[in-house]
Amino acid sequence: MSKRIASITASVTLSLLASIVALTVTPTAEAQCRPGSWLCAQAQVQVGVGVSGSVYIGPTVVPPPPPPQVVYIQPQQPQPPVVIYQPQPQPQVVYQPQPQVVYVQQQPQVSLQPLPPVQLREPRWGVHGELGAMMSNRISMGGGAVAFRMRPSPWFAVDLGIGTYGGIDYDGNDRFEIPITANALFFVNPQSRLQLYFLAGVGLSYAHVDSLGFTGSSGFGGDFFGRDFSYAGGQLGIGLEWRLGRHFALNTDLRGFIRTRTDDSSTPEFVDPATGATTNTSGGVYWTGGATIYW
């Protein structure tokens, strides 16, 4: 019993001592703590008595006070003054394009002068051959001729020719003739391959007529076997010469002729039995075609 009283007495003594210490320490501690510090909140001392009657001293857990609300005051910034800028009219700039300069490099021009044409000597001589037909109201014959041609100019030529023709005369007698001619040819376009020419000339002709038992219109009577005639006359014509090459050409022409007898003309050559008219003059046309070799 004395032990229990002693224990209670000790407990009470300790409680008083703790209260005195708490009263003296706590204000000082609180004075040294900053507000909101968790150390100050836990510095309180609790004095109590245990279940078994023993006295214990333990910390009392006190929740920390809520943190102070921090208010940030944003200082009011002065508003910048409102300035209205009146835009100045922009100057109108007109861009004048610079002229474009193009440099063209001239190619050297080479002037090729044509060589002067080779002046070839125009052939001045030639041999002409032809076939032809003689047609008139008196005579109908065919044959051919050759001529020696002199052409001193491209515009002018002279043919000296001889030929042979055979056929039937006005009275139905066989006739054979040898004409000798001299013709001048005038070329209109000698620079062309196809050349036009005009012809004018004179000629002589020898004719032989065979008649068996002849008592025809010539009035000679009696029987004889042949008679000879000679003629002189002239001719005009037009023709074409086609130059196939420098030394060769083809020819064709049409000639009109008229002639009269040059032998003893006391006895006329032609007598018209119906009218009794007589004549020693005859005329007609030649048509010829041939070729010429030049050199």
Protein backbone atom coordinates (compact mmCIF):
# COMPACT_ATOMS: atom_id res chain seq x y z
CA MET A 1 0.00 0.00 0.00
CA SER A 2 2.86 2.34 0.79
CA LYS A 3 4.42 1.56 -2.61
CA ARG A 4 1.27 2.60 -4.43
CA ILE A 5 1.03 5.83 -2.44
CA ALA A 6 4.64 6.53 -3.22
CA SER A 7 4.01 5.89 -6.92
CA ILE A 8 1.03 8.22 -7.04
CA THR A 9 2.94 10.86 -5.19
CA ALA A 10 5.78 10.63 -7.69
CA SER A 11 3.34 10.87 -10.58
CA VAL A 12 1.72 13.95 -9.23
CA THR A 13 5.08 15.51 -8.56
CA LEU A 14 6.20 14.87 -12.07
CA SER A 15 2.96 16.24 -13.49
CA LEU A 16 3.47 19.46 -11.54
CA LEU A 17 7.00 19.74 -12.72
CA ALA A 18 5.97 19.17 -16.32
CA SER A 19 3.28 21.82 -16.05
CA ILE A 20 5.77 24.30 -14.66
CA VAL A 21 8.26 23.53 -17.44
CA ALA A 22 5.51 23.81 -20.04
CA LEU A 23 4.44 27.17 -18.76
CA THR A 24 7.97 28.49 -18.84
CA VAL A 25 9.20 26.94 -22.11
CA THR A 26 6.22 27.18 -24.46
CA PRO A 27 5.95 30.99 -24.80
CA THR A 28 9.65 31.21 -25.43
CA ALA A 29 9.51 28.52 -28.11
CA GLU A 30 6.50 30.03 -29.74
CA ALA A 31 8.24 33.36 -29.70
CA GLN A 32 11.21 31.86 -31.56
CA CYS A 33 9.18 30.02 -34.24
CA ARG A 34 8.04 31.59 -37.49
CA PRO A 35 4.44 31.42 -38.32
CA GLY A 36 3.56 28.30 -40.27
CA SER A 37 6.68 26.33 -39.22
CA TRP A 38 5.90 22.70 -38.46
CA LEU A 39 8.59 22.50 -35.72
CA CYS A 40 6.72 24.93 -33.51
CA ALA A 41 3.52 22.94 -33.88
CA GLN A 42 5.22 19.77 -32.72
CA ALA A 43 7.04 21.34 -29.71
CA GLN A 44 4.02 20.96 -27.38
CA VAL A 45 4.39 18.47 -24.54
CA GLN A 46 1.48 16.42 -23.19
CA VAL A 47 1.59 15.09 -19.69
CA GLY A 48 -0.71 12.28 -18.73
CA VAL A 49 -1.17 9.23 -16.66
CA GLY A 50 -1.04 5.75 -18.16
CA VAL A 51 -3.55 3.06 -17.61
CA SER A 52 -1.39 1.39 -15.10
CA GLY A 53 -1.19 4.60 -13.11
CA SER A 54 2.28 5.45 -14.47
CA VAL A 55 2.88 8.96 -15.71
CA TYR A 56 4.21 9.38 -19.35
CA ILE A 57 5.19 12.37 -21.35
CA GLY A 58 4.62 12.10 -25.18
CA PRO A 59 4.27 14.42 -28.17
CA THR A 60 0.88 15.49 -29.25
CA VAL A 61 0.44 15.55 -33.06
CA VAL A 62 -1.22 18.76 -34.07
CA PRO A 63 -1.96 19.26 -37.80
CA PRO A 64 -0.09 22.21 -39.25
CA PRO A 65 -2.11 25.28 -39.94
CA PRO A 66 -3.07 25.86 -43.58
CA PRO A 67 -0.44 27.72 -45.53
CA PRO A 68 -1.08 31.36 -45.80
CA GLN A 69 -2.73 32.41 -49.07
CA VAL A 70 -0.25 34.17 -51.19
CA VAL A 71 -1.79 36.88 -53.29
CA TYR A 72 0.29 38.26 -56.09
CA ILE A 73 -0.71 41.74 -57.03
CA GLN A 74 0.24 42.46 -60.63
CA PRO A 75 1.15 46.06 -60.78
CA GLN A 76 -0.89 47.82 -63.43
CA GLN A 77 1.28 48.57 -66.34
CA PRO A 78 0.72 51.87 -67.91
CA GLN A 79 -1.05 51.45 -71.22
CA PRO A 80 0.92 52.77 -74.14
CA PRO A 81 -0.66 55.76 -75.76
CA VAL A 82 -2.70 55.04 -78.84
CA VAL A 83 -1.00 56.61 -81.79
CA ILE A 84 -2.81 56.71 -85.11
CA TYR A 85 -0.45 56.77 -88.00
CA GLN A 86 -1.82 58.31 -91.17
CA PRO A 87 -0.06 56.42 -93.93
CA GLN A 88 1.61 58.67 -96.36
CA PRO A 89 0.64 58.02 -99.97
CA GLN A 90 3.22 55.84 -101.51
CA PRO A 91 4.89 57.37 -104.49
CA GLN A 92 3.94 55.64 -107.72
CA VAL A 93 7.02 54.26 -109.28
CA VAL A 94 6.89 53.53 -112.99
CA TYR A 95 9.57 51.17 -114.11
CA GLN A 96 10.73 51.94 -117.60
CA PRO A 97 12.12 48.73 -119.03
CA GLN A 98 15.56 49.08 -120.32
CA PRO A 99 15.88 48.40 -124.03
CA GLN A 100 17.16 44.94 -124.61
CA VAL A 101 20.34 44.97 -126.52
CA VAL A 102 20.89 41.90 -128.62
CA TYR A 103 24.26 41.40 -130.08
CA VAL A 104 24.09 39.45 -133.29
CA GLN A 105 27.36 38.20 -134.53
CA GLN A 106 27.35 38.63 -138.20
CA GLN A 107 28.59 35.68 -140.09
CA PRO A 108 31.11 36.63 -142.68
CA GLN A 109 29.37 36.64 -145.98
CA VAL A 110 31.24 35.00 -148.72
CA SER A 111 30.19 36.34 -152.05
CA LEU A 112 30.71 33.75 -154.69
CA GLN A 113 31.00 35.49 -157.95
CA PRO A 114 29.84 33.25 -160.75
CA LEU A 115 32.52 32.41 -163.16
CA PRO A 116 32.08 34.04 -166.49
CA PRO A 117 30.49 31.64 -168.91
CA VAL A 118 32.89 29.95 -171.17
CA GLN A 119 32.47 31.52 -174.51
CA LEU A 120 32.35 28.56 -176.78
CA ARG A 121 32.69 29.31 -180.41
CA GLU A 122 29.38 28.91 -182.12
CA PRO A 123 29.58 26.30 -184.83
CA ARG A 124 29.83 28.16 -188.11
CA TRP A 125 29.58 25.31 -190.59
CA GLY A 126 27.20 22.48 -191.16
CA VAL A 127 25.83 19.86 -193.49
CA HIS A 128 22.08 19.68 -193.93
CA GLY A 129 20.12 16.76 -195.33
CA GLU A 130 16.39 16.59 -195.97
CA LEU A 131 13.57 14.63 -197.50
CA GLY A 132 10.68 16.45 -199.14
CA ALA A 133 7.64 16.46 -201.34
CA MET A 134 6.81 18.87 -204.17
CA MET A 135 3.15 19.47 -204.78
CA SER A 136 1.50 21.75 -207.32
CA ASN A 137 -1.28 21.83 -209.88
CA ARG A 138 1.27 20.83 -212.48
CA ILE A 139 3.67 18.44 -210.80
CA SER A 140 3.63 15.87 -208.02
CA MET A 141 7.06 14.60 -206.98
CA GLY A 142 9.07 13.48 -204.00
CA GLY A 143 12.76 13.26 -203.21
CA GLY A 144 15.59 14.61 -201.13
CA ALA A 145 18.42 17.13 -201.00
CA VAL A 146 21.68 17.95 -199.23
CA ALA A 147 23.05 21.39 -198.50
CA PHE A 148 26.25 22.92 -197.24
CA ARG A 149 25.38 25.38 -194.47
CA MET A 150 27.35 28.47 -193.52
CA ARG A 151 26.25 30.10 -190.28
CA PRO A 152 28.46 33.13 -189.60
CA SER A 153 26.02 34.33 -186.90
CA PRO A 154 23.57 32.59 -184.58
CA TRP A 155 20.91 34.71 -186.25
CA PHE A 156 21.73 33.99 -189.87
CA ALA A 157 22.70 31.06 -192.10
CA VAL A 158 23.03 30.29 -195.80
CA ASP A 159 22.31 26.92 -197.38
CA LEU A 160 23.73 25.92 -200.76
CA GLY A 161 22.00 22.73 -201.80
CA ILE A 162 21.31 20.24 -204.52
CA GLY A 163 18.66 17.50 -204.68
CA THR A 164 16.82 14.96 -206.76
CA TYR A 165 13.07 14.62 -207.17
CA GLY A 166 10.94 12.29 -209.26
CA GLY A 167 7.28 11.93 -210.09
CA ILE A 168 4.57 12.68 -212.62
CA ASP A 169 3.90 15.94 -214.40
CA TYR A 170 0.69 17.59 -215.56
CA ASP A 171 0.41 15.38 -218.69
CA GLY A 172 1.03 12.16 -216.79
CA ASN A 173 4.59 11.85 -218.05
CA ASP A 174 7.40 10.60 -215.87
CA ARG A 175 9.53 13.47 -214.65
CA PHE A 176 12.91 13.64 -212.99
CA GLU A 177 14.35 16.90 -211.61
CA ILE A 178 17.59 18.15 -210.06
CA PRO A 179 17.01 21.41 -208.13
CA ILE A 180 19.94 23.66 -207.13
CA THR A 181 19.06 26.19 -204.43
CA ALA A 182 20.59 29.00 -202.40
CA ASN A 183 18.54 29.85 -199.32
CA ALA A 184 19.03 32.41 -196.56
CA LEU A 185 17.74 31.43 -193.09
CA PHE A 186 16.88 34.05 -190.45
CA PHE A 187 16.66 32.61 -186.93
CA VAL A 188 14.33 34.43 -184.53
CA ASN A 189 15.47 32.90 -181.19
CA PRO A 190 18.89 31.30 -181.60
CA GLN A 191 19.38 31.09 -177.79
CA SER A 192 16.61 28.49 -177.50
CA ARG A 193 16.70 24.83 -178.26
CA LEU A 194 13.62 25.11 -180.47
CA GLN A 195 14.41 27.87 -182.94
CA LEU A 196 12.03 29.50 -185.37
CA TYR A 197 13.43 30.63 -188.71
CA PHE A 198 12.25 32.21 -191.94
CA LEU A 199 13.61 31.17 -195.30
CA ALA A 200 14.04 33.02 -198.59
CA GLY A 201 15.98 31.87 -201.60
CA VAL A 202 16.43 31.39 -205.30
CA GLY A 203 16.99 28.27 -207.35
CA LEU A 204 17.59 26.63 -210.65
CA SER A 205 16.21 23.27 -211.69
CA TYR A 206 16.92 20.85 -214.48
CA ALA A 207 14.05 18.48 -215.51
CA HIS A 208 13.87 15.49 -217.84
CA VAL A 209 10.50 14.18 -219.06
CA ASP A 210 10.10 10.75 -220.65
CA SER A 211 7.18 10.19 -223.04
CA LEU A 212 6.61 7.18 -225.25
CA GLY A 213 4.61 7.91 -228.37
CA PHE A 214 3.85 11.34 -226.95
CA THR A 215 1.21 13.42 -228.73
CA GLY A 216 -0.07 15.13 -225.63
CA SER A 217 -1.08 18.63 -224.76
CA SER A 218 2.36 20.11 -225.41
CA GLY A 219 1.53 20.03 -229.10
CA PHE A 220 4.86 18.68 -230.24
CA GLY A 221 3.24 15.71 -231.97
CA GLY A 222 5.15 12.78 -233.32
CA ASP A 223 6.85 10.07 -231.36
CA PHE A 224 9.85 10.91 -229.23
CA PHE A 225 11.31 9.44 -226.08
CA GLY A 226 12.31 12.40 -223.96
CA ARG A 227 12.53 16.12 -223.46
CA ASP A 228 14.59 18.36 -221.16
CA PHE A 229 13.56 21.54 -219.36
CA SER A 230 15.32 24.11 -217.23
CA TYR A 231 13.76 26.48 -214.71
CA ALA A 232 14.59 29.46 -212.53
CA GLY A 233 12.56 30.70 -209.62
CA GLY A 234 12.34 31.70 -206.00
CA GLN A 235 10.90 30.43 -202.73
CA LEU A 236 9.78 31.66 -199.31
CA GLY A 237 9.21 29.55 -196.22
CA ILE A 238 9.02 29.15 -192.47
CA GLY A 239 10.55 26.40 -190.37
CA LEU A 240 11.73 25.07 -187.01
CA GLU A 241 15.13 23.82 -185.94
CA TRP A 242 15.35 21.73 -182.78
CA ARG A 243 18.87 21.77 -181.36
CA LEU A 244 19.37 18.44 -179.67
CA GLY A 245 22.99 19.27 -179.00
CA ARG A 246 25.67 21.72 -179.82
CA HIS A 247 26.52 19.91 -183.04
CA PHE A 248 23.22 18.32 -184.05
CA ALA A 249 19.73 19.60 -184.89
CA LEU A 250 16.51 18.46 -186.53
CA ASN A 251 14.74 20.64 -189.12
CA THR A 252 11.37 20.93 -190.78
CA ASP A 253 9.96 23.69 -192.96
CA LEU A 254 7.28 24.54 -195.48
CA ARG A 255 8.20 26.52 -198.61
CA GLY A 256 6.17 28.05 -201.38
CA PHE A 257 7.81 28.37 -204.79
CA ILE A 258 7.21 29.81 -208.24
CA ARG A 259 9.35 29.24 -211.34
CA THR A 260 9.40 29.61 -215.10
CA ARG A 261 11.25 27.99 -217.96
CA THR A 262 14.66 29.27 -219.00
CA ASP A 263 15.24 27.02 -222.04
CA ASP A 264 13.67 27.51 -225.51
CA SER A 265 10.18 28.58 -224.47
CA SER A 266 8.77 29.14 -227.96
CA THR A 267 6.81 25.98 -227.47
CA PRO A 268 4.88 26.10 -224.18
CA GLU A 269 5.36 23.34 -221.67
CA PHE A 270 1.77 23.11 -220.45
CA VAL A 271 -1.36 23.28 -222.65
CA ASP A 272 -4.89 23.03 -221.31
CA PRO A 273 -6.79 20.79 -223.78
CA ALA A 274 -10.15 22.13 -222.69
CA THR A 275 -9.38 25.80 -223.13
CA GLY A 276 -6.22 25.72 -225.21
CA ALA A 277 -4.41 27.90 -222.67
CA THR A 278 -0.63 27.43 -222.53
CA THR A 279 1.96 28.36 -219.89
CA ASN A 280 5.64 27.90 -219.01
CA THR A 281 5.16 28.99 -215.39
CA SER A 282 4.40 26.68 -212.51
CA GLY A 283 4.21 26.98 -208.76
CA GLY A 284 3.52 24.95 -205.65
CA VAL A 285 4.82 24.05 -202.20
CA TYR A 286 7.69 22.06 -200.75
CA TRP A 287 7.50 20.29 -197.46
CA THR A 288 10.85 19.13 -196.08
CA GLY A 289 12.13 17.42 -192.97
CA GLY A 290 15.74 16.68 -192.15
CA ALA A 291 18.75 17.13 -189.90
CA THR A 292 21.85 19.30 -189.65
CA ILE A 293 25.30 18.44 -188.36
CA TYR A 294 27.34 21.46 -187.13
CA TRP A 295 31.03 21.88 -186.49
